[in-house]
Amino acid sequence: FHGFLSRREAAMLLSGQPVGTFLVRFSKSQPGAFALAFVDSRNMVISVLIDSEMPRGVKIKEAGDTERRFKDIYELLLHY
């Protein structure tokens, strides 16, 4: 967990890291939300906004505004 980082700062930290390397940070653009940044199989840094729906879990928005829900952050990390 890296606290308050921008998307750009997270991308700089992850650039050049092995596939699967990730960090979780507070979202600067969405107060109260978190963001997952990770290195994907194309060696690109991807960021995903995480909204809390506690106690039910967390949700993310995917392409096409599709929402996906997970019971916790751990399940979200396993997904990616």
N, C-alpha and C. Protein backbone atom coordinates (compact mmCIF):
# COMPACT_ATOMS: atom_id res chain seq x y z
N PHE A 1 0.85 -1.17 0.00
CA PHE A 1 0.00 0.00 0.00
C PHE A 1 0.89 1.23 0.00
N HIS A 2 0.64 2.14 -0.92
CA HIS A 2 1.53 3.29 -1.08
C HIS A 2 0.92 4.63 -0.71
N GLY A 3 -0.24 4.64 -0.09
CA GLY A 3 -0.81 5.91 0.35
C GLY A 3 -1.25 6.80 -0.80
N PHE A 4 -0.95 8.09 -0.70
CA PHE A 4 -1.38 9.06 -1.72
C PHE A 4 -0.35 9.16 -2.84
N LEU A 5 -0.70 8.60 -3.97
CA LEU A 5 0.11 8.71 -5.19
C LEU A 5 -0.84 9.04 -6.33
N SER A 6 -0.35 9.77 -7.30
CA SER A 6 -1.14 9.99 -8.50
C SER A 6 -1.01 8.77 -9.41
N ARG A 7 -1.85 8.69 -10.40
CA ARG A 7 -1.75 7.61 -11.39
C ARG A 7 -0.39 7.65 -12.06
N ARG A 8 0.07 8.83 -12.38
CA ARG A 8 1.38 8.99 -13.04
C ARG A 8 2.52 8.52 -12.14
N GLU A 9 2.48 8.88 -10.86
CA GLU A 9 3.52 8.45 -9.92
C GLU A 9 3.52 6.93 -9.77
N ALA A 10 2.33 6.34 -9.71
CA ALA A 10 2.24 4.88 -9.61
C ALA A 10 2.82 4.23 -10.86
N ALA A 11 2.51 4.77 -12.03
CA ALA A 11 3.04 4.22 -13.28
C ALA A 11 4.57 4.32 -13.32
N MET A 12 5.11 5.41 -12.81
CA MET A 12 6.57 5.56 -12.79
C MET A 12 7.21 4.52 -11.87
N LEU A 13 6.59 4.26 -10.71
CA LEU A 13 7.13 3.26 -9.78
C LEU A 13 7.09 1.86 -10.38
N LEU A 14 6.04 1.56 -11.15
CA LEU A 14 5.86 0.21 -11.68
C LEU A 14 6.54 -0.01 -13.03
N SER A 15 6.87 1.06 -13.71
CA SER A 15 7.50 0.93 -15.03
C SER A 15 8.78 0.10 -14.95
N GLY A 16 8.88 -0.90 -15.81
CA GLY A 16 10.06 -1.76 -15.85
C GLY A 16 10.04 -2.90 -14.84
N GLN A 17 8.98 -2.99 -14.04
CA GLN A 17 8.87 -4.07 -13.05
C GLN A 17 8.30 -5.32 -13.72
N PRO A 18 8.48 -6.49 -13.11
CA PRO A 18 7.98 -7.74 -13.69
C PRO A 18 6.45 -7.77 -13.78
N VAL A 19 5.95 -8.54 -14.73
CA VAL A 19 4.51 -8.75 -14.89
C VAL A 19 3.94 -9.23 -13.56
N GLY A 20 2.80 -8.66 -13.17
CA GLY A 20 2.15 -9.05 -11.93
C GLY A 20 2.49 -8.16 -10.74
N THR A 21 3.50 -7.31 -10.88
CA THR A 21 3.84 -6.39 -9.81
C THR A 21 2.70 -5.38 -9.68
N PHE A 22 2.31 -5.07 -8.46
CA PHE A 22 1.17 -4.17 -8.26
C PHE A 22 1.36 -3.31 -7.03
N LEU A 23 0.52 -2.29 -6.93
CA LEU A 23 0.42 -1.50 -5.72
C LEU A 23 -1.02 -1.03 -5.58
N VAL A 24 -1.41 -0.76 -4.35
CA VAL A 24 -2.71 -0.19 -4.04
C VAL A 24 -2.44 1.18 -3.44
N ARG A 25 -3.25 2.15 -3.82
CA ARG A 25 -3.04 3.52 -3.36
C ARG A 25 -4.38 4.20 -3.15
N PHE A 26 -4.39 5.32 -2.43
CA PHE A 26 -5.58 6.16 -2.36
C PHE A 26 -5.75 6.82 -3.71
N SER A 27 -6.98 6.98 -4.14
CA SER A 27 -7.25 7.70 -5.38
C SER A 27 -7.23 9.20 -5.12
N LYS A 28 -6.48 9.93 -5.92
CA LYS A 28 -6.47 11.39 -5.80
C LYS A 28 -7.67 12.00 -6.51
N SER A 29 -8.17 11.34 -7.53
CA SER A 29 -9.29 11.89 -8.31
C SER A 29 -10.65 11.57 -7.71
N GLN A 30 -10.74 10.50 -6.92
CA GLN A 30 -12.00 10.08 -6.30
C GLN A 30 -11.79 9.94 -4.79
N PRO A 31 -12.01 11.00 -4.02
CA PRO A 31 -11.81 10.91 -2.57
C PRO A 31 -12.63 9.76 -1.97
N GLY A 32 -11.98 8.99 -1.09
CA GLY A 32 -12.63 7.86 -0.45
C GLY A 32 -12.47 6.55 -1.20
N ALA A 33 -11.94 6.61 -2.41
CA ALA A 33 -11.74 5.41 -3.21
C ALA A 33 -10.26 5.02 -3.20
N PHE A 34 -10.00 3.80 -3.63
CA PHE A 34 -8.65 3.29 -3.79
C PHE A 34 -8.41 3.02 -5.27
N ALA A 35 -7.17 2.80 -5.62
CA ALA A 35 -6.84 2.41 -6.99
C ALA A 35 -5.82 1.28 -6.95
N LEU A 36 -5.98 0.34 -7.85
CA LEU A 36 -5.03 -0.74 -8.05
C LEU A 36 -4.26 -0.42 -9.32
N ALA A 37 -2.94 -0.43 -9.25
CA ALA A 37 -2.09 -0.27 -10.42
C ALA A 37 -1.23 -1.51 -10.52
N PHE A 38 -1.15 -2.08 -11.73
CA PHE A 38 -0.39 -3.31 -11.90
C PHE A 38 0.22 -3.39 -13.29
N VAL A 39 1.24 -4.24 -13.41
CA VAL A 39 1.90 -4.49 -14.69
C VAL A 39 1.22 -5.70 -15.32
N ASP A 40 0.64 -5.48 -16.51
CA ASP A 40 -0.07 -6.59 -17.17
C ASP A 40 0.86 -7.41 -18.06
N SER A 41 0.30 -8.39 -18.75
CA SER A 41 1.10 -9.33 -19.56
C SER A 41 1.77 -8.67 -20.76
N ARG A 42 1.35 -7.44 -21.09
CA ARG A 42 2.00 -6.69 -22.19
C ARG A 42 3.04 -5.72 -21.67
N ASN A 43 3.34 -5.83 -20.36
CA ASN A 43 4.26 -4.92 -19.67
C ASN A 43 3.76 -3.49 -19.64
N MET A 44 2.44 -3.33 -19.66
CA MET A 44 1.82 -2.01 -19.53
C MET A 44 1.31 -1.85 -18.10
N VAL A 45 1.37 -0.63 -17.59
CA VAL A 45 0.84 -0.36 -16.26
C VAL A 45 -0.63 0.02 -16.40
N ILE A 46 -1.49 -0.74 -15.73
CA ILE A 46 -2.93 -0.56 -15.78
C ILE A 46 -3.40 -0.06 -14.42
N SER A 47 -4.34 0.89 -14.41
CA SER A 47 -4.93 1.38 -13.16
C SER A 47 -6.42 1.10 -13.16
N VAL A 48 -6.91 0.64 -12.01
CA VAL A 48 -8.32 0.31 -11.84
C VAL A 48 -8.80 1.02 -10.57
N LEU A 49 -9.89 1.79 -10.68
CA LEU A 49 -10.47 2.47 -9.53
C LEU A 49 -11.32 1.49 -8.73
N ILE A 50 -11.13 1.50 -7.41
CA ILE A 50 -11.84 0.58 -6.51
C ILE A 50 -12.75 1.39 -5.59
N ASP A 51 -14.05 1.11 -5.64
CA ASP A 51 -15.01 1.75 -4.76
C ASP A 51 -15.41 0.78 -3.66
N SER A 52 -15.44 1.27 -2.43
CA SER A 52 -15.84 0.44 -1.30
C SER A 52 -17.36 0.35 -1.24
N GLU A 53 -17.86 -0.84 -0.98
CA GLU A 53 -19.28 -1.07 -0.73
C GLU A 53 -19.41 -1.89 0.56
N MET A 54 -18.55 -1.57 1.53
CA MET A 54 -18.53 -2.32 2.77
C MET A 54 -19.85 -2.19 3.49
N PRO A 55 -20.35 -3.24 4.09
CA PRO A 55 -19.67 -4.50 4.37
C PRO A 55 -19.82 -5.53 3.26
N ARG A 56 -20.43 -5.17 2.13
CA ARG A 56 -20.65 -6.14 1.05
C ARG A 56 -19.40 -6.41 0.22
N GLY A 57 -18.41 -5.52 0.25
CA GLY A 57 -17.20 -5.74 -0.52
C GLY A 57 -16.78 -4.49 -1.27
N VAL A 58 -16.20 -4.69 -2.45
CA VAL A 58 -15.71 -3.59 -3.28
C VAL A 58 -16.21 -3.79 -4.71
N LYS A 59 -16.21 -2.69 -5.47
CA LYS A 59 -16.59 -2.81 -6.88
C LYS A 59 -15.64 -2.00 -7.73
N ILE A 60 -15.54 -2.42 -9.00
CA ILE A 60 -14.74 -1.71 -9.98
C ILE A 60 -15.60 -1.50 -11.22
N LYS A 61 -15.23 -0.52 -12.03
CA LYS A 61 -15.88 -0.32 -13.32
C LYS A 61 -14.91 -0.79 -14.39
N GLU A 62 -15.42 -1.60 -15.28
CA GLU A 62 -14.61 -2.11 -16.39
C GLU A 62 -15.07 -1.44 -17.68
N ALA A 63 -14.49 -1.82 -18.78
CA ALA A 63 -14.83 -1.24 -20.08
C ALA A 63 -16.34 -1.28 -20.31
N GLY A 64 -16.86 -0.22 -20.91
CA GLY A 64 -18.28 -0.17 -21.18
C GLY A 64 -19.12 0.10 -19.94
N ASP A 65 -18.50 0.63 -18.89
CA ASP A 65 -19.18 0.93 -17.63
C ASP A 65 -19.80 -0.29 -16.95
N THR A 66 -19.29 -1.47 -17.26
CA THR A 66 -19.72 -2.69 -16.57
C THR A 66 -19.11 -2.69 -15.18
N GLU A 67 -19.93 -2.96 -14.17
CA GLU A 67 -19.42 -3.03 -12.80
C GLU A 67 -19.19 -4.48 -12.41
N ARG A 68 -18.12 -4.70 -11.68
CA ARG A 68 -17.81 -6.03 -11.17
C ARG A 68 -17.59 -5.90 -9.68
N ARG A 69 -18.15 -6.82 -8.93
CA ARG A 69 -18.06 -6.78 -7.48
C ARG A 69 -17.22 -7.95 -6.95
N PHE A 70 -16.51 -7.67 -5.86
CA PHE A 70 -15.67 -8.66 -5.19
C PHE A 70 -15.96 -8.58 -3.70
N LYS A 71 -15.80 -9.71 -3.00
CA LYS A 71 -16.10 -9.70 -1.56
C LYS A 71 -15.07 -8.92 -0.76
N ASP A 72 -13.84 -8.79 -1.30
CA ASP A 72 -12.80 -8.03 -0.61
C ASP A 72 -11.67 -7.71 -1.58
N ILE A 73 -10.71 -6.94 -1.10
CA ILE A 73 -9.57 -6.55 -1.93
C ILE A 73 -8.77 -7.77 -2.37
N TYR A 74 -8.63 -8.74 -1.48
CA TYR A 74 -7.87 -9.95 -1.81
C TYR A 74 -8.46 -10.65 -3.03
N GLU A 75 -9.78 -10.81 -3.06
CA GLU A 75 -10.43 -11.44 -4.21
C GLU A 75 -10.22 -10.62 -5.49
N LEU A 76 -10.25 -9.30 -5.36
CA LEU A 76 -9.97 -8.41 -6.50
C LEU A 76 -8.55 -8.64 -7.03
N LEU A 77 -7.58 -8.69 -6.11
CA LEU A 77 -6.19 -8.91 -6.52
C LEU A 77 -6.01 -10.25 -7.22
N LEU A 78 -6.68 -11.28 -6.71
CA LEU A 78 -6.59 -12.60 -7.34
C LEU A 78 -7.17 -12.57 -8.76
N HIS A 79 -8.20 -11.77 -8.97
CA HIS A 79 -8.81 -11.64 -10.29
C HIS A 79 -7.80 -11.12 -11.31
N TYR A 80 -7.03 -10.11 -10.91
CA TYR A 80 -6.07 -9.51 -11.84
C TYR A 80 -4.74 -10.22 -11.80
